[in-house]
Amino acid sequence: MASKGKRPGTAKGKKGPTVGSGGQRRKALEGKGPTPKAEDRKGHKAFKGNKPEKSTTRKGEFLAPTARTAGVAGARRTNTKGVSKAADSGEVLSGRNSVLEALRAKVPATALYISNRIEMDERTKETLQLANARQIPINEITKPEIDRLTGFDAVHQGIALSVPAYQYQHPVDLLDKVLSRGQKPLFVALDGITDPRNLGAIIRSVAAFGGQGVILPQRRSTGVTAAAWKTSAGAAARIPVALAANLTATIKEYKKKGVFVVGLDGDGDMNLQNFTLGREPLLIVVGSEGKGLSRLVTENCDAIVSIPISGITESLNAGIAASVTLYEVSKLRSKN
């Protein structure tokens, strides 16, 4: 019979100690971390695992002769999957002239991308022939895919070329090669130029006016990127570019080997019209538009030259300034 004041089925006496979980639920409370990506989750339709992507074509398959590829014998077609990753392994050149000049100069290339609706012309046909002769994979993709590959603001003209990272030379080795060939050195060094289009324009001018190379500092400078390749219109394939760990030290080494160093600055003490050092072995140093030449570089130049301009324009673009100076040097040397 139940005790007085107690409900039937209740425990008698005081409540005893409660048995804990002993930490068995601690891991459950910690959670499982962020949700994995779809391609990493088993059971998801996007899961890839370790299986390679299936190719839509067999190795060595050739494009059928169509209106686009008429007259281009042996143009190979390769798998077009993974196009978005092409730029990660190096640089991507775009435009018919840039791509064709790079292939003519035998620039190392990993893949050629061509729009499936490209209008064929002589440049495109020669590009396909050169790529096929060098066994460079030719990928036929859509225009939006080329847009993503080259950047949506690039004018690719339906064609792009993937190239590995640029191989720079040592500046002193570059000078020694020119001297060993009995040539008169003419180089351009860039001090603080960060726009790759300026670099491309300068490389093009160096090639046009008989220069043998361009020198870049390792820090605070642009490099030979796809934008520089495109602006150079293929000249980057013919003009070597050297990378200097210390531009001031490189200038001193060049001076020891008999090279005159001339800096370009709007406040220079010598007018380009009165410039006579162009007949000598020469290194022209171009500074940035905003800051100009750095102090140490200025102190180690043999002369600082200014380009006379009208009052309408305050300063010249670095690429234009280099081009004008190189033209004056070429005129002086042609008179000799």
C-alpha atoms as a PDB file:
ATOM      1  CA  MET A   1       0.000   0.000   0.000  1.00  0.00           C
ATOM      2  CA  ALA A   2       1.388   3.414  -0.913  1.00  0.00           C
ATOM      3  CA  SER A   3       2.633   5.605   1.875  1.00  0.00           C
ATOM      4  CA  LYS A   4       0.597   8.565   2.947  1.00  0.00           C
ATOM      5  CA  GLY A   5       1.226  11.704   0.848  1.00  0.00           C
ATOM      6  CA  LYS A   6       2.956   9.835  -1.959  1.00  0.00           C
ATOM      7  CA  ARG A   7       1.581   9.047  -5.343  1.00  0.00           C
ATOM      8  CA  PRO A   8       1.630   5.448  -6.481  1.00  0.00           C
ATOM      9  CA  GLY A   9       4.748   4.556  -8.561  1.00  0.00           C
ATOM     10  CA  THR A  10       6.995   7.276  -7.187  1.00  0.00           C
ATOM     11  CA  ALA A  11      10.425   6.497  -5.745  1.00  0.00           C
ATOM     12  CA  LYS A  12      10.814   6.590  -2.019  1.00  0.00           C
ATOM     13  CA  GLY A  13      13.341   8.790  -0.251  1.00  0.00           C
ATOM     14  CA  LYS A  14      15.754  11.434  -1.644  1.00  0.00           C
ATOM     15  CA  LYS A  15      16.827  11.573  -5.265  1.00  0.00           C
ATOM     16  CA  GLY A  16      20.248   9.928  -5.845  1.00  0.00           C
ATOM     17  CA  PRO A  17      23.131  11.247  -7.986  1.00  0.00           C
ATOM     18  CA  THR A  18      22.456  11.478 -11.761  1.00  0.00           C
ATOM     19  CA  VAL A  19      24.725   9.391 -13.960  1.00  0.00           C
ATOM     20  CA  GLY A  20      26.513  11.603 -16.581  1.00  0.00           C
ATOM     21  CA  SER A  21      27.402  10.819 -20.201  1.00  0.00           C
ATOM     22  CA  GLY A  22      31.099  10.585 -19.407  1.00  0.00           C
ATOM     23  CA  GLY A  23      31.967  12.774 -22.428  1.00  0.00           C
ATOM     24  CA  GLN A  24      30.380  10.352 -24.847  1.00  0.00           C
ATOM     25  CA  ARG A  25      28.366  13.139 -26.512  1.00  0.00           C
ATOM     26  CA  ARG A  26      31.190  15.714 -26.671  1.00  0.00           C
ATOM     27  CA  LYS A  27      32.141  14.821 -30.240  1.00  0.00           C
ATOM     28  CA  ALA A  28      28.523  15.071 -31.323  1.00  0.00           C
ATOM     29  CA  LEU A  29      28.362  18.598 -29.970  1.00  0.00           C
ATOM     30  CA  GLU A  30      31.504  19.682 -31.822  1.00  0.00           C
ATOM     31  CA  GLY A  31      29.883  19.372 -35.258  1.00  0.00           C
ATOM     32  CA  LYS A  32      31.309  17.985 -38.513  1.00  0.00           C
ATOM     33  CA  GLY A  33      32.923  21.152 -39.897  1.00  0.00           C
ATOM     34  CA  PRO A  34      32.068  22.972 -43.160  1.00  0.00           C
ATOM     35  CA  THR A  35      30.070  21.184 -45.821  1.00  0.00           C
ATOM     36  CA  PRO A  36      32.403  19.697 -48.475  1.00  0.00           C
ATOM     37  CA  LYS A  37      32.138  20.853 -52.074  1.00  0.00           C
ATOM     38  CA  ALA A  38      29.693  19.002 -54.313  1.00  0.00           C
ATOM     39  CA  GLU A  39      32.469  17.376 -56.332  1.00  0.00           C
ATOM     40  CA  ASP A  40      33.999  16.012 -53.094  1.00  0.00           C
ATOM     41  CA  ARG A  41      30.809  14.412 -51.709  1.00  0.00           C
ATOM     42  CA  LYS A  42      30.166  10.777 -52.585  1.00  0.00           C
ATOM     43  CA  GLY A  43      26.686  10.173 -53.886  1.00  0.00           C
ATOM     44  CA  HIS A  44      26.392  13.660 -55.360  1.00  0.00           C
ATOM     45  CA  LYS A  45      26.048  13.821 -59.134  1.00  0.00           C
ATOM     46  CA  ALA A  46      28.992  16.234 -59.323  1.00  0.00           C
ATOM     47  CA  PHE A  47      31.323  13.863 -57.431  1.00  0.00           C
ATOM     48  CA  LYS A  48      34.451  13.109 -59.508  1.00  0.00           C
ATOM     49  CA  GLY A  49      36.557  11.066 -57.122  1.00  0.00           C
ATOM     50  CA  ASN A  50      39.818   9.902 -58.630  1.00  0.00           C
ATOM     51  CA  LYS A  51      38.336   9.027 -62.001  1.00  0.00           C
ATOM     52  CA  PRO A  52      39.692  11.011 -64.974  1.00  0.00           C
ATOM     53  CA  GLU A  53      37.243  12.996 -67.025  1.00  0.00           C
ATOM     54  CA  LYS A  54      35.960  11.237 -70.080  1.00  0.00           C
ATOM     55  CA  SER A  55      37.229  12.689 -73.308  1.00  0.00           C
ATOM     56  CA  THR A  56      34.808  13.397 -76.105  1.00  0.00           C
ATOM     57  CA  THR A  57      37.436  12.528 -78.663  1.00  0.00           C
ATOM     58  CA  ARG A  58      40.116   9.905 -79.051  1.00  0.00           C
ATOM     59  CA  LYS A  59      43.790  10.739 -78.916  1.00  0.00           C
ATOM     60  CA  GLY A  60      45.049  11.785 -82.325  1.00  0.00           C
ATOM     61  CA  GLU A  61      41.569  12.509 -83.718  1.00  0.00           C
ATOM     62  CA  PHE A  62      41.573  15.082 -86.506  1.00  0.00           C
ATOM     63  CA  LEU A  63      39.116  17.815 -87.380  1.00  0.00           C
ATOM     64  CA  ALA A  64      36.953  17.059 -90.355  1.00  0.00           C
ATOM     65  CA  PRO A  65      37.640  19.361 -93.315  1.00  0.00           C
ATOM     66  CA  THR A  66      34.956  22.038 -92.978  1.00  0.00           C
ATOM     67  CA  ALA A  67      34.579  25.573 -94.274  1.00  0.00           C
ATOM     68  CA  ARG A  68      36.489  26.824 -91.207  1.00  0.00           C
ATOM     69  CA  THR A  69      39.452  24.502 -91.584  1.00  0.00           C
ATOM     70  CA  ALA A  70      39.532  24.196 -95.351  1.00  0.00           C
ATOM     71  CA  GLY A  71      43.099  24.062 -96.575  1.00  0.00           C
ATOM     72  CA  VAL A  72      44.506  23.326 -93.103  1.00  0.00           C
ATOM     73  CA  ALA A  73      45.696  19.754 -93.413  1.00  0.00           C
ATOM     74  CA  GLY A  74      45.993  17.718 -90.239  1.00  0.00           C
ATOM     75  CA  ALA A  75      44.503  20.226 -87.797  1.00  0.00           C
ATOM     76  CA  ARG A  76      44.112  18.127 -84.664  1.00  0.00           C
ATOM     77  CA  ARG A  77      41.278  18.390 -82.189  1.00  0.00           C
ATOM     78  CA  THR A  78      41.755  17.557 -78.522  1.00  0.00           C
ATOM     79  CA  ASN A  79      39.518  17.377 -75.496  1.00  0.00           C
ATOM     80  CA  THR A  80      38.166  20.815 -74.559  1.00  0.00           C
ATOM     81  CA  LYS A  81      37.296  20.027 -70.916  1.00  0.00           C
ATOM     82  CA  GLY A  82      39.191  21.840 -68.218  1.00  0.00           C
ATOM     83  CA  VAL A  83      39.714  24.930 -70.369  1.00  0.00           C
ATOM     84  CA  SER A  84      39.188  27.241 -67.383  1.00  0.00           C
ATOM     85  CA  LYS A  85      42.330  25.814 -65.752  1.00  0.00           C
ATOM     86  CA  ALA A  86      44.600  26.559 -68.695  1.00  0.00           C
ATOM     87  CA  ALA A  87      45.621  29.996 -67.460  1.00  0.00           C
ATOM     88  CA  ASP A  88      46.713  28.595 -64.081  1.00  0.00           C
ATOM     89  CA  SER A  89      49.773  26.880 -65.543  1.00  0.00           C
ATOM     90  CA  GLY A  90      51.240  29.941 -67.286  1.00  0.00           C
ATOM     91  CA  GLU A  91      50.129  32.827 -69.459  1.00  0.00           C
ATOM     92  CA  VAL A  92      47.497  33.063 -72.178  1.00  0.00           C
ATOM     93  CA  LEU A  93      48.204  35.072 -75.332  1.00  0.00           C
ATOM     94  CA  SER A  94      45.260  36.261 -77.402  1.00  0.00           C
ATOM     95  CA  GLY A  95      44.768  37.874 -80.783  1.00  0.00           C
ATOM     96  CA  ARG A  96      45.678  36.572 -84.227  1.00  0.00           C
ATOM     97  CA  ASN A  97      48.892  38.575 -84.660  1.00  0.00           C
ATOM     98  CA  SER A  98      50.232  37.850 -81.167  1.00  0.00           C
ATOM     99  CA  VAL A  99      49.523  34.130 -81.392  1.00  0.00           C
ATOM    100  CA  LEU A 100      50.908  33.791 -84.917  1.00  0.00           C
ATOM    101  CA  GLU A 101      54.119  35.719 -84.102  1.00  0.00           C
ATOM    102  CA  ALA A 102      54.649  33.608 -80.989  1.00  0.00           C
ATOM    103  CA  LEU A 103      54.300  30.382 -82.985  1.00  0.00           C
ATOM    104  CA  ARG A 104      56.585  31.664 -85.739  1.00  0.00           C
ATOM    105  CA  ALA A 105      59.236  32.439 -83.115  1.00  0.00           C
ATOM    106  CA  LYS A 106      58.774  28.938 -81.644  1.00  0.00           C
ATOM    107  CA  VAL A 107      57.697  30.218 -78.251  1.00  0.00           C
ATOM    108  CA  PRO A 108      56.970  27.206 -76.003  1.00  0.00           C
ATOM    109  CA  ALA A 109      53.233  26.573 -75.930  1.00  0.00           C
ATOM    110  CA  THR A 110      51.011  24.055 -74.194  1.00  0.00           C
ATOM    111  CA  ALA A 111      47.701  24.494 -76.041  1.00  0.00           C
ATOM    112  CA  LEU A 112      45.983  26.454 -78.793  1.00  0.00           C
ATOM    113  CA  TYR A 113      42.351  27.495 -78.339  1.00  0.00           C
ATOM    114  CA  ILE A 114      40.200  28.444 -81.299  1.00  0.00           C
ATOM    115  CA  SER A 115      36.570  29.514 -81.451  1.00  0.00           C
ATOM    116  CA  ASN A 116      34.212  27.082 -83.131  1.00  0.00           C
ATOM    117  CA  ARG A 117      32.755  29.984 -85.123  1.00  0.00           C
ATOM    118  CA  ILE A 118      35.966  31.759 -86.072  1.00  0.00           C
ATOM    119  CA  GLU A 119      36.243  33.302 -89.521  1.00  0.00           C
ATOM    120  CA  MET A 120      39.227  31.708 -91.201  1.00  0.00           C
ATOM    121  CA  ASP A 121      41.856  33.926 -92.789  1.00  0.00           C
ATOM    122  CA  GLU A 122      45.482  33.426 -93.810  1.00  0.00           C
ATOM    123  CA  ARG A 123      46.759  34.165 -90.304  1.00  0.00           C
ATOM    124  CA  THR A 124      44.446  31.599 -88.746  1.00  0.00           C
ATOM    125  CA  LYS A 125      45.348  28.946 -91.303  1.00  0.00           C
ATOM    126  CA  GLU A 126      49.071  29.486 -90.731  1.00  0.00           C
ATOM    127  CA  THR A 127      48.513  29.389 -86.967  1.00  0.00           C
ATOM    128  CA  LEU A 128      46.810  26.009 -87.228  1.00  0.00           C
ATOM    129  CA  GLN A 129      49.518  24.675 -89.523  1.00  0.00           C
ATOM    130  CA  LEU A 130      52.308  25.767 -87.166  1.00  0.00           C
ATOM    131  CA  ALA A 131      50.529  24.380 -84.120  1.00  0.00           C
ATOM    132  CA  ASN A 132      49.933  21.068 -85.855  1.00  0.00           C
ATOM    133  CA  ALA A 133      53.549  20.853 -87.046  1.00  0.00           C
ATOM    134  CA  ARG A 134      54.747  21.342 -83.456  1.00  0.00           C
ATOM    135  CA  GLN A 135      52.120  18.897 -82.131  1.00  0.00           C
ATOM    136  CA  ILE A 136      50.523  21.540 -79.921  1.00  0.00           C
ATOM    137  CA  PRO A 137      47.033  20.425 -78.809  1.00  0.00           C
ATOM    138  CA  ILE A 138      44.329  22.365 -80.660  1.00  0.00           C
ATOM    139  CA  ASN A 139      41.129  22.912 -78.671  1.00  0.00           C
ATOM    140  CA  GLU A 140      37.933  23.979 -80.411  1.00  0.00           C
ATOM    141  CA  ILE A 141      35.794  25.839 -77.851  1.00  0.00           C
ATOM    142  CA  THR A 142      32.994  28.379 -77.783  1.00  0.00           C
ATOM    143  CA  LYS A 143      33.470  32.149 -77.722  1.00  0.00           C
ATOM    144  CA  PRO A 144      32.277  32.472 -74.086  1.00  0.00           C
ATOM    145  CA  GLU A 145      34.915  29.921 -73.074  1.00  0.00           C
ATOM    146  CA  ILE A 146      37.634  31.966 -74.803  1.00  0.00           C
ATOM    147  CA  ASP A 147      36.242  35.064 -73.062  1.00  0.00           C
ATOM    148  CA  ARG A 148      36.716  33.375 -69.679  1.00  0.00           C
ATOM    149  CA  LEU A 149      40.136  32.094 -70.669  1.00  0.00           C
ATOM    150  CA  THR A 150      41.559  35.440 -71.820  1.00  0.00           C
ATOM    151  CA  GLY A 151      39.554  37.843 -69.666  1.00  0.00           C
ATOM    152  CA  PHE A 152      36.291  39.439 -70.689  1.00  0.00           C
ATOM    153  CA  ASP A 153      37.972  42.733 -71.628  1.00  0.00           C
ATOM    154  CA  ALA A 154      40.511  41.102 -73.965  1.00  0.00           C
ATOM    155  CA  VAL A 155      40.199  41.362 -77.754  1.00  0.00           C
ATOM    156  CA  HIS A 156      41.086  37.758 -78.584  1.00  0.00           C
ATOM    157  CA  GLN A 157      39.641  37.597 -82.130  1.00  0.00           C
ATOM    158  CA  GLY A 158      38.556  34.009 -81.465  1.00  0.00           C
ATOM    159  CA  ILE A 159      42.021  32.587 -80.809  1.00  0.00           C
ATOM    160  CA  ALA A 160      44.302  32.141 -77.786  1.00  0.00           C
ATOM    161  CA  LEU A 161      47.553  30.381 -76.968  1.00  0.00           C
ATOM    162  CA  SER A 162      48.557  29.001 -73.580  1.00  0.00           C
ATOM    163  CA  VAL A 163      52.275  29.402 -72.869  1.00  0.00           C
ATOM    164  CA  PRO A 164      54.346  28.402 -69.825  1.00  0.00           C
ATOM    165  CA  ALA A 165      55.823  30.966 -67.449  1.00  0.00           C
ATOM    166  CA  TYR A 166      58.386  33.267 -69.084  1.00  0.00           C
ATOM    167  CA  GLN A 167      62.042  32.280 -68.718  1.00  0.00           C
ATOM    168  CA  TYR A 168      64.051  35.386 -67.807  1.00  0.00           C
ATOM    169  CA  GLN A 169      67.760  35.791 -68.503  1.00  0.00           C
ATOM    170  CA  HIS A 170      70.474  37.234 -66.284  1.00  0.00           C
ATOM    171  CA  PRO A 171      71.255  40.864 -67.259  1.00  0.00           C
ATOM    172  CA  VAL A 172      75.052  40.434 -67.217  1.00  0.00           C
ATOM    173  CA  ASP A 173      74.841  37.232 -69.269  1.00  0.00           C
ATOM    174  CA  LEU A 174      72.664  39.104 -71.749  1.00  0.00           C
ATOM    175  CA  LEU A 175      75.290  41.829 -72.121  1.00  0.00           C
ATOM    176  CA  ASP A 176      78.117  39.310 -72.473  1.00  0.00           C
ATOM    177  CA  LYS A 177      76.283  37.577 -75.335  1.00  0.00           C
ATOM    178  CA  VAL A 178      75.914  40.858 -77.230  1.00  0.00           C
ATOM    179  CA  LEU A 179      79.571  41.766 -76.693  1.00  0.00           C
ATOM    180  CA  SER A 180      80.716  38.305 -77.789  1.00  0.00           C
ATOM    181  CA  ARG A 181      78.895  38.800 -81.107  1.00  0.00           C
ATOM    182  CA  GLY A 182      80.736  42.077 -81.694  1.00  0.00           C
ATOM    183  CA  GLN A 183      77.543  44.140 -81.512  1.00  0.00           C
ATOM    184  CA  LYS A 184      77.147  47.580 -79.940  1.00  0.00           C
ATOM    185  CA  PRO A 185      74.911  47.179 -76.860  1.00  0.00           C
ATOM    186  CA  LEU A 186      71.537  48.925 -76.746  1.00  0.00           C
ATOM    187  CA  PHE A 187      69.323  47.970 -73.822  1.00  0.00           C
ATOM    188  CA  VAL A 188      66.364  49.473 -71.997  1.00  0.00           C
ATOM    189  CA  ALA A 189      65.876  49.080 -68.241  1.00  0.00           C
ATOM    190  CA  LEU A 190      62.586  49.789 -66.484  1.00  0.00           C
ATOM    191  CA  ASP A 191      62.550  51.447 -63.060  1.00  0.00           C
ATOM    192  CA  GLY A 192      59.188  51.114 -61.338  1.00  0.00           C
ATOM    193  CA  ILE A 193      57.063  50.356 -64.434  1.00  0.00           C
ATOM    194  CA  THR A 194      54.049  48.362 -63.246  1.00  0.00           C
ATOM    195  CA  ASP A 195      51.810  48.455 -66.346  1.00  0.00           C
ATOM    196  CA  PRO A 196      52.426  45.364 -68.540  1.00  0.00           C
ATOM    197  CA  ARG A 197      51.153  47.255 -71.586  1.00  0.00           C
ATOM    198  CA  ASN A 198      53.980  49.764 -71.189  1.00  0.00           C
ATOM    199  CA  LEU A 199      56.412  46.859 -71.011  1.00  0.00           C
ATOM    200  CA  GLY A 200      54.956  45.333 -74.168  1.00  0.00           C
ATOM    201  CA  ALA A 201      55.180  48.642 -76.025  1.00  0.00           C
ATOM    202  CA  ILE A 202      58.812  49.114 -74.942  1.00  0.00           C
ATOM    203  CA  ILE A 203      59.732  45.576 -76.042  1.00  0.00           C
ATOM    204  CA  ARG A 204      58.181  46.325 -79.426  1.00  0.00           C
ATOM    205  CA  SER A 205      60.162  49.574 -79.748  1.00  0.00           C
ATOM    206  CA  VAL A 206      63.409  47.864 -78.749  1.00  0.00           C
ATOM    207  CA  ALA A 207      62.852  45.312 -81.507  1.00  0.00           C
ATOM    208  CA  ALA A 208      61.970  48.021 -84.051  1.00  0.00           C
ATOM    209  CA  PHE A 209      65.018  50.208 -83.406  1.00  0.00           C
ATOM    210  CA  GLY A 210      67.768  47.617 -83.113  1.00  0.00           C
ATOM    211  CA  GLY A 211      67.895  47.022 -79.363  1.00  0.00           C
ATOM    212  CA  GLN A 212      69.033  43.693 -77.922  1.00  0.00           C
ATOM    213  CA  GLY A 213      67.094  43.353 -74.693  1.00  0.00           C
ATOM    214  CA  VAL A 214      65.035  44.725 -71.810  1.00  0.00           C
ATOM    215  CA  ILE A 215      65.947  44.616 -68.123  1.00  0.00           C
ATOM    216  CA  LEU A 216      63.385  44.469 -65.321  1.00  0.00           C
ATOM    217  CA  PRO A 217      64.013  44.804 -61.585  1.00  0.00           C
ATOM    218  CA  GLN A 218      62.869  41.870 -59.508  1.00  0.00           C
ATOM    219  CA  ARG A 219      60.772  44.059 -57.203  1.00  0.00           C
ATOM    220  CA  ARG A 220      58.183  46.780 -57.846  1.00  0.00           C
ATOM    221  CA  SER A 221      57.896  45.988 -61.534  1.00  0.00           C
ATOM    222  CA  THR A 222      55.609  44.286 -63.972  1.00  0.00           C
ATOM    223  CA  GLY A 223      56.636  41.059 -65.648  1.00  0.00           C
ATOM    224  CA  VAL A 224      56.195  39.477 -69.058  1.00  0.00           C
ATOM    225  CA  THR A 225      52.494  38.718 -68.746  1.00  0.00           C
ATOM    226  CA  ALA A 226      49.891  37.935 -71.380  1.00  0.00           C
ATOM    227  CA  ALA A 227      49.079  41.656 -71.627  1.00  0.00           C
ATOM    228  CA  ALA A 228      52.747  42.438 -72.292  1.00  0.00           C
ATOM    229  CA  TRP A 229      52.945  39.663 -74.905  1.00  0.00           C
ATOM    230  CA  LYS A 230      49.879  41.010 -76.695  1.00  0.00           C
ATOM    231  CA  THR A 231      51.028  44.660 -76.662  1.00  0.00           C
ATOM    232  CA  SER A 232      54.430  43.656 -78.002  1.00  0.00           C
ATOM    233  CA  ALA A 233      52.672  42.132 -81.046  1.00  0.00           C
ATOM    234  CA  GLY A 234      54.981  39.127 -80.922  1.00  0.00           C
ATOM    235  CA  ALA A 235      58.209  41.114 -80.373  1.00  0.00           C
ATOM    236  CA  ALA A 236      58.548  39.506 -76.919  1.00  0.00           C
ATOM    237  CA  ALA A 237      59.360  36.284 -78.753  1.00  0.00           C
ATOM    238  CA  ARG A 238      62.452  37.889 -80.342  1.00  0.00           C
ATOM    239  CA  ILE A 239      63.682  40.321 -77.671  1.00  0.00           C
ATOM    240  CA  PRO A 240      65.037  38.687 -74.504  1.00  0.00           C
ATOM    241  CA  VAL A 241      64.029  40.073 -71.117  1.00  0.00           C
ATOM    242  CA  ALA A 242      66.407  39.885 -68.141  1.00  0.00           C
ATOM    243  CA  LEU A 243      65.502  40.044 -64.467  1.00  0.00           C
ATOM    244  CA  ALA A 244      67.789  42.026 -62.157  1.00  0.00           C
ATOM    245  CA  ALA A 245      67.829  41.255 -58.439  1.00  0.00           C
ATOM    246  CA  ASN A 246      69.100  44.819 -57.874  1.00  0.00           C
ATOM    247  CA  LEU A 247      68.780  47.353 -60.689  1.00  0.00           C
ATOM    248  CA  THR A 248      71.376  49.729 -59.228  1.00  0.00           C
ATOM    249  CA  ALA A 249      73.940  46.927 -58.953  1.00  0.00           C
ATOM    250  CA  THR A 250      73.190  45.899 -62.549  1.00  0.00           C
ATOM    251  CA  ILE A 251      73.742  49.465 -63.745  1.00  0.00           C
ATOM    252  CA  LYS A 252      77.152  49.503 -62.017  1.00  0.00           C
ATOM    253  CA  GLU A 253      78.085  46.191 -63.692  1.00  0.00           C
ATOM    254  CA  TYR A 254      77.125  47.547 -67.113  1.00  0.00           C
ATOM    255  CA  LYS A 255      79.221  50.675 -66.546  1.00  0.00           C
ATOM    256  CA  LYS A 256      82.222  48.528 -65.655  1.00  0.00           C
ATOM    257  CA  LYS A 257      81.889  46.853 -69.056  1.00  0.00           C
ATOM    258  CA  GLY A 258      81.933  50.170 -70.920  1.00  0.00           C
ATOM    259  CA  VAL A 259      78.198  50.816 -71.258  1.00  0.00           C
ATOM    260  CA  PHE A 260      76.919  54.382 -70.822  1.00  0.00           C
ATOM    261  CA  VAL A 261      73.782  54.640 -68.692  1.00  0.00           C
ATOM    262  CA  VAL A 262      71.211  57.327 -69.568  1.00  0.00           C
ATOM    263  CA  GLY A 263      68.075  58.030 -67.545  1.00  0.00           C
ATOM    264  CA  LEU A 264      64.898  59.599 -68.946  1.00  0.00           C
ATOM    265  CA  ASP A 265      63.317  62.311 -66.832  1.00  0.00           C
ATOM    266  CA  GLY A 266      61.290  65.437 -67.539  1.00  0.00           C
ATOM    267  CA  ASP A 267      63.725  67.519 -65.478  1.00  0.00           C
ATOM    268  CA  GLY A 268      66.854  66.138 -67.112  1.00  0.00           C
ATOM    269  CA  ASP A 269      69.969  68.258 -67.546  1.00  0.00           C
ATOM    270  CA  MET A 270      70.358  67.269 -71.212  1.00  0.00           C
ATOM    271  CA  ASN A 271      67.879  67.788 -74.033  1.00  0.00           C
ATOM    272  CA  LEU A 272      67.284  64.803 -76.311  1.00  0.00           C
ATOM    273  CA  GLN A 273      67.924  67.037 -79.331  1.00  0.00           C
ATOM    274  CA  ASN A 274      71.485  67.595 -78.083  1.00  0.00           C
ATOM    275  CA  PHE A 275      72.030  63.959 -77.126  1.00  0.00           C
ATOM    276  CA  THR A 276      75.253  62.532 -78.569  1.00  0.00           C
ATOM    277  CA  LEU A 277      75.811  59.399 -76.468  1.00  0.00           C
ATOM    278  CA  GLY A 278      73.567  57.360 -78.756  1.00  0.00           C
ATOM    279  CA  ARG A 279      76.602  56.292 -80.766  1.00  0.00           C
ATOM    280  CA  GLU A 280      78.092  54.633 -77.683  1.00  0.00           C
ATOM    281  CA  PRO A 281      77.169  51.313 -75.997  1.00  0.00           C
ATOM    282  CA  LEU A 282      74.012  52.353 -74.216  1.00  0.00           C
ATOM    283  CA  LEU A 283      71.581  51.431 -71.454  1.00  0.00           C
ATOM    284  CA  ILE A 284      68.463  53.620 -71.357  1.00  0.00           C
ATOM    285  CA  VAL A 285      66.609  53.664 -68.030  1.00  0.00           C
ATOM    286  CA  VAL A 286      62.909  54.560 -68.080  1.00  0.00           C
ATOM    287  CA  GLY A 287      61.134  55.549 -64.860  1.00  0.00           C
ATOM    288  CA  SER A 288      57.468  55.404 -63.937  1.00  0.00           C
ATOM    289  CA  GLU A 289      55.150  58.209 -65.027  1.00  0.00           C
ATOM    290  CA  GLY A 290      54.266  59.196 -61.480  1.00  0.00           C
ATOM    291  CA  LYS A 291      57.512  58.889 -59.500  1.00  0.00           C
ATOM    292  CA  GLY A 292      60.071  58.911 -62.283  1.00  0.00           C
ATOM    293  CA  LEU A 293      63.519  57.468 -61.638  1.00  0.00           C
ATOM    294  CA  SER A 294      64.443  56.372 -58.145  1.00  0.00           C
ATOM    295  CA  ARG A 295      67.169  58.294 -56.286  1.00  0.00           C
ATOM    296  CA  LEU A 296      69.825  55.566 -56.429  1.00  0.00           C
ATOM    297  CA  VAL A 297      69.249  54.924 -60.119  1.00  0.00           C
ATOM    298  CA  THR A 298      69.485  58.658 -60.865  1.00  0.00           C
ATOM    299  CA  GLU A 299      72.762  58.950 -58.973  1.00  0.00           C
ATOM    300  CA  ASN A 300      74.323  56.132 -61.006  1.00  0.00           C
ATOM    301  CA  CYS A 301      73.307  57.413 -64.458  1.00  0.00           C
ATOM    302  CA  ASP A 302      75.938  59.071 -66.651  1.00  0.00           C
ATOM    303  CA  ALA A 303      73.342  61.548 -67.922  1.00  0.00           C
ATOM    304  CA  ILE A 304      69.689  62.436 -67.362  1.00  0.00           C
ATOM    305  CA  VAL A 305      67.924  63.266 -70.628  1.00  0.00           C
ATOM    306  CA  SER A 306      64.625  65.066 -71.060  1.00  0.00           C
ATOM    307  CA  ILE A 307      62.360  65.012 -74.099  1.00  0.00           C
ATOM    308  CA  PRO A 308      61.120  68.461 -75.189  1.00  0.00           C
ATOM    309  CA  ILE A 309      57.331  68.595 -75.427  1.00  0.00           C
ATOM    310  CA  SER A 310      54.774  71.360 -75.859  1.00  0.00           C
ATOM    311  CA  GLY A 311      52.940  72.876 -72.915  1.00  0.00           C
ATOM    312  CA  ILE A 312      49.710  71.103 -73.881  1.00  0.00           C
ATOM    313  CA  THR A 313      51.017  67.743 -72.649  1.00  0.00           C
ATOM    314  CA  GLU A 314      52.579  67.610 -69.186  1.00  0.00           C
ATOM    315  CA  SER A 315      54.396  64.287 -69.603  1.00  0.00           C
ATOM    316  CA  LEU A 316      54.813  61.362 -71.964  1.00  0.00           C
ATOM    317  CA  ASN A 317      53.767  57.791 -71.432  1.00  0.00           C
ATOM    318  CA  ALA A 318      56.761  55.631 -70.439  1.00  0.00           C
ATOM    319  CA  GLY A 319      56.405  53.501 -73.556  1.00  0.00           C
ATOM    320  CA  ILE A 320      56.258  56.548 -75.839  1.00  0.00           C
ATOM    321  CA  ALA A 321      59.256  58.186 -74.121  1.00  0.00           C
ATOM    322  CA  ALA A 322      61.321  55.040 -74.626  1.00  0.00           C
ATOM    323  CA  SER A 323      60.230  54.793 -78.264  1.00  0.00           C
ATOM    324  CA  VAL A 324      61.159  58.419 -79.043  1.00  0.00           C
ATOM    325  CA  THR A 325      64.584  58.003 -77.434  1.00  0.00           C
ATOM    326  CA  LEU A 326      65.286  54.738 -79.235  1.00  0.00           C
ATOM    327  CA  TYR A 327      64.370  56.389 -82.523  1.00  0.00           C
ATOM    328  CA  GLU A 328      66.870  59.198 -81.900  1.00  0.00           C
ATOM    329  CA  VAL A 329      69.555  56.639 -81.020  1.00  0.00           C
ATOM    330  CA  SER A 330      68.861  54.694 -84.224  1.00  0.00           C
ATOM    331  CA  LYS A 331      69.201  57.914 -86.270  1.00  0.00           C
ATOM    332  CA  LEU A 332      72.569  58.690 -84.688  1.00  0.00           C
ATOM    333  CA  ARG A 333      73.837  55.177 -85.294  1.00  0.00           C
ATOM    334  CA  SER A 334      72.621  55.124 -88.881  1.00  0.00           C
ATOM    335  CA  LYS A 335      74.708  58.229 -89.630  1.00  0.00           C
ATOM    336  CA  ASN A 336      77.801  56.351 -88.507  1.00  0.00           C
END
